[in-house]
Amino acid sequence: MGAQLSSFRREGGSSTQSDQTACLSSPTEHDPTKI
């Protein structure tokens, strides 16, 4: 999953912030330990 996140961030620079917000919004789905 780490690779997918990396490519996603690369494609959308501002996506990094969105990803972090989603992670915090739904910690159950996006576990910080999994990343």
PDB file of N, CA and C in Angstrom:
ATOM      1  N   MET A   1       0.844  -1.202   0.000  1.00  0.00           N
ATOM      2  CA  MET A   1       0.000   0.000   0.000  1.00  0.00           C
ATOM      3  C   MET A   1       0.883   1.259   0.000  1.00  0.00           C
ATOM      4  N   GLY A   2       2.061   1.124   0.600  1.00  0.00           N
ATOM      5  CA  GLY A   2       2.947   2.289   0.671  1.00  0.00           C
ATOM      6  C   GLY A   2       3.281   2.813  -0.722  1.00  0.00           C
ATOM      7  N   ALA A   3       3.523   1.873  -1.642  1.00  0.00           N
ATOM      8  CA  ALA A   3       3.874   2.291  -3.004  1.00  0.00           C
ATOM      9  C   ALA A   3       2.705   3.039  -3.635  1.00  0.00           C
ATOM     10  N   GLN A   4       1.504   2.546  -3.423  1.00  0.00           N
ATOM     11  CA  GLN A   4       0.328   3.204  -4.001  1.00  0.00           C
ATOM     12  C   GLN A   4       0.208   4.627  -3.480  1.00  0.00           C
ATOM     13  N   LEU A   5       0.409   4.795  -2.185  1.00  0.00           N
ATOM     14  CA  LEU A   5       0.299   6.128  -1.591  1.00  0.00           C
ATOM     15  C   LEU A   5       1.363   7.038  -2.178  1.00  0.00           C
ATOM     16  N   SER A   6       2.554   6.500  -2.365  1.00  0.00           N
ATOM     17  CA  SER A   6       3.661   7.289  -2.904  1.00  0.00           C
ATOM     18  C   SER A   6       3.303   7.783  -4.306  1.00  0.00           C
ATOM     19  N   SER A   7       2.823   6.900  -5.151  1.00  0.00           N
ATOM     20  CA  SER A   7       2.473   7.279  -6.519  1.00  0.00           C
ATOM     21  C   SER A   7       1.322   8.275  -6.501  1.00  0.00           C
ATOM     22  N   PHE A   8       0.387   8.087  -5.598  1.00  0.00           N
ATOM     23  CA  PHE A   8      -0.761   8.987  -5.514  1.00  0.00           C
ATOM     24  C   PHE A   8      -0.289  10.391  -5.154  1.00  0.00           C
ATOM     25  N   ARG A   9       0.600  10.467  -4.188  1.00  0.00           N
ATOM     26  CA  ARG A   9       1.127  11.773  -3.778  1.00  0.00           C
ATOM     27  C   ARG A   9       1.904  12.416  -4.914  1.00  0.00           C
ATOM     28  N   ARG A  10       2.648  11.589  -5.639  1.00  0.00           N
ATOM     29  CA  ARG A  10       3.461  12.119  -6.741  1.00  0.00           C
ATOM     30  C   ARG A  10       2.548  12.725  -7.813  1.00  0.00           C
ATOM     31  N   GLU A  11       1.457  12.038  -8.116  1.00  0.00           N
ATOM     32  CA  GLU A  11       0.540  12.536  -9.153  1.00  0.00           C
ATOM     33  C   GLU A  11      -0.153  13.805  -8.688  1.00  0.00           C
ATOM     34  N   GLY A  12      -0.614  13.789  -7.430  1.00  0.00           N
ATOM     35  CA  GLY A  12      -1.310  14.972  -6.897  1.00  0.00           C
ATOM     36  C   GLY A  12      -0.544  15.546  -5.719  1.00  0.00           C
ATOM     37  N   GLY A  13       0.222  16.595  -5.954  1.00  0.00           N
ATOM     38  CA  GLY A  13       1.030  17.172  -4.877  1.00  0.00           C
ATOM     39  C   GLY A  13       0.189  17.510  -3.660  1.00  0.00           C
ATOM     40  N   SER A  14      -0.943  18.173  -3.878  1.00  0.00           N
ATOM     41  CA  SER A  14      -1.781  18.581  -2.745  1.00  0.00           C
ATOM     42  C   SER A  14      -2.528  17.383  -2.165  1.00  0.00           C
ATOM     43  N   SER A  15      -2.395  16.239  -2.809  1.00  0.00           N
ATOM     44  CA  SER A  15      -3.089  15.039  -2.324  1.00  0.00           C
ATOM     45  C   SER A  15      -2.530  14.600  -0.977  1.00  0.00           C
ATOM     46  N   THR A  16      -1.296  15.006  -0.702  1.00  0.00           N
ATOM     47  CA  THR A  16      -0.659  14.592   0.552  1.00  0.00           C
ATOM     48  C   THR A  16      -1.505  15.047   1.731  1.00  0.00           C
ATOM     49  N   GLN A  17      -1.934  16.284   1.705  1.00  0.00           N
ATOM     50  CA  GLN A  17      -2.736  16.813   2.808  1.00  0.00           C
ATOM     51  C   GLN A  17      -4.067  16.066   2.877  1.00  0.00           C
ATOM     52  N   SER A  18      -4.671  15.847   1.735  1.00  0.00           N
ATOM     53  CA  SER A  18      -5.957  15.136   1.704  1.00  0.00           C
ATOM     54  C   SER A  18      -5.810  13.742   2.307  1.00  0.00           C
ATOM     55  N   ASP A  19      -4.724  13.069   1.939  1.00  0.00           N
ATOM     56  CA  ASP A  19      -4.476  11.716   2.454  1.00  0.00           C
ATOM     57  C   ASP A  19      -4.371  11.736   3.973  1.00  0.00           C
ATOM     58  N   GLN A  20      -3.623  12.703   4.487  1.00  0.00           N
ATOM     59  CA  GLN A  20      -3.445  12.780   5.933  1.00  0.00           C
ATOM     60  C   GLN A  20      -4.787  13.031   6.611  1.00  0.00           C
ATOM     61  N   THR A  21      -5.593  13.931   6.051  1.00  0.00           N
ATOM     62  CA  THR A  21      -6.894  14.239   6.649  1.00  0.00           C
ATOM     63  C   THR A  21      -7.774  12.990   6.668  1.00  0.00           C
ATOM     64  N   ALA A  22      -7.785  12.263   5.560  1.00  0.00           N
ATOM     65  CA  ALA A  22      -8.600  11.050   5.481  1.00  0.00           C
ATOM     66  C   ALA A  22      -8.121  10.038   6.510  1.00  0.00           C
ATOM     67  N   CYS A  23      -6.806   9.960   6.647  1.00  0.00           N
ATOM     68  CA  CYS A  23      -6.232   9.013   7.616  1.00  0.00           C
ATOM     69  C   CYS A  23      -6.720   9.342   9.026  1.00  0.00           C
ATOM     70  N   LEU A  24      -6.704  10.625   9.342  1.00  0.00           N
ATOM     71  CA  LEU A  24      -7.120  11.033  10.688  1.00  0.00           C
ATOM     72  C   LEU A  24      -8.636  10.876  10.827  1.00  0.00           C
ATOM     73  N   SER A  25      -9.344  11.123   9.729  1.00  0.00           N
ATOM     74  CA  SER A  25     -10.807  11.035   9.774  1.00  0.00           C
ATOM     75  C   SER A  25     -11.244   9.593  10.027  1.00  0.00           C
ATOM     76  N   SER A  26     -10.610   8.672   9.313  1.00  0.00           N
ATOM     77  CA  SER A  26     -10.978   7.258   9.467  1.00  0.00           C
ATOM     78  C   SER A  26      -9.747   6.430   9.818  1.00  0.00           C
ATOM     79  N   PRO A  27      -9.342   6.460  11.077  1.00  0.00           N
ATOM     80  CA  PRO A  27      -8.172   5.692  11.510  1.00  0.00           C
ATOM     81  C   PRO A  27      -8.406   4.182  11.425  1.00  0.00           C
ATOM     82  N   THR A  28      -9.655   3.790  11.457  1.00  0.00           N
ATOM     83  CA  THR A  28      -9.982   2.367  11.400  1.00  0.00           C
ATOM     84  C   THR A  28      -9.650   1.815  10.009  1.00  0.00           C
ATOM     85  N   GLU A  29      -9.987   2.590   8.972  1.00  0.00           N
ATOM     86  CA  GLU A  29      -9.722   2.132   7.609  1.00  0.00           C
ATOM     87  C   GLU A  29      -8.250   2.296   7.264  1.00  0.00           C
ATOM     88  N   HIS A  30      -7.704   3.485   7.561  1.00  0.00           N
ATOM     89  CA  HIS A  30      -6.297   3.772   7.252  1.00  0.00           C
ATOM     90  C   HIS A  30      -5.503   3.798   8.546  1.00  0.00           C
ATOM     91  N   ASP A  31      -4.970   2.654   8.894  1.00  0.00           N
ATOM     92  CA  ASP A  31      -4.191   2.586  10.133  1.00  0.00           C
ATOM     93  C   ASP A  31      -2.799   3.172   9.913  1.00  0.00           C
ATOM     94  N   PRO A  32      -2.372   4.089  10.757  1.00  0.00           N
ATOM     95  CA  PRO A  32      -1.047   4.697  10.625  1.00  0.00           C
ATOM     96  C   PRO A  32       0.070   3.673  10.764  1.00  0.00           C
ATOM     97  N   THR A  33      -0.218   2.581  11.464  1.00  0.00           N
ATOM     98  CA  THR A  33       0.801   1.548  11.662  1.00  0.00           C
ATOM     99  C   THR A  33       0.962   0.727  10.383  1.00  0.00           C
ATOM    100  N   LYS A  34      -0.086   0.663   9.570  1.00  0.00           N
ATOM    101  CA  LYS A  34      -0.028  -0.115   8.329  1.00  0.00           C
ATOM    102  C   LYS A  34       0.808   0.613   7.282  1.00  0.00           C
ATOM    103  N   ILE A  35       0.735   1.905   7.257  1.00  0.00           N
ATOM    104  CA  ILE A  35       1.449   2.699   6.247  1.00  0.00           C
ATOM    105  C   ILE A  35       2.957   2.519   6.401  1.00  0.00           C
TER     106      ILE A  35
END
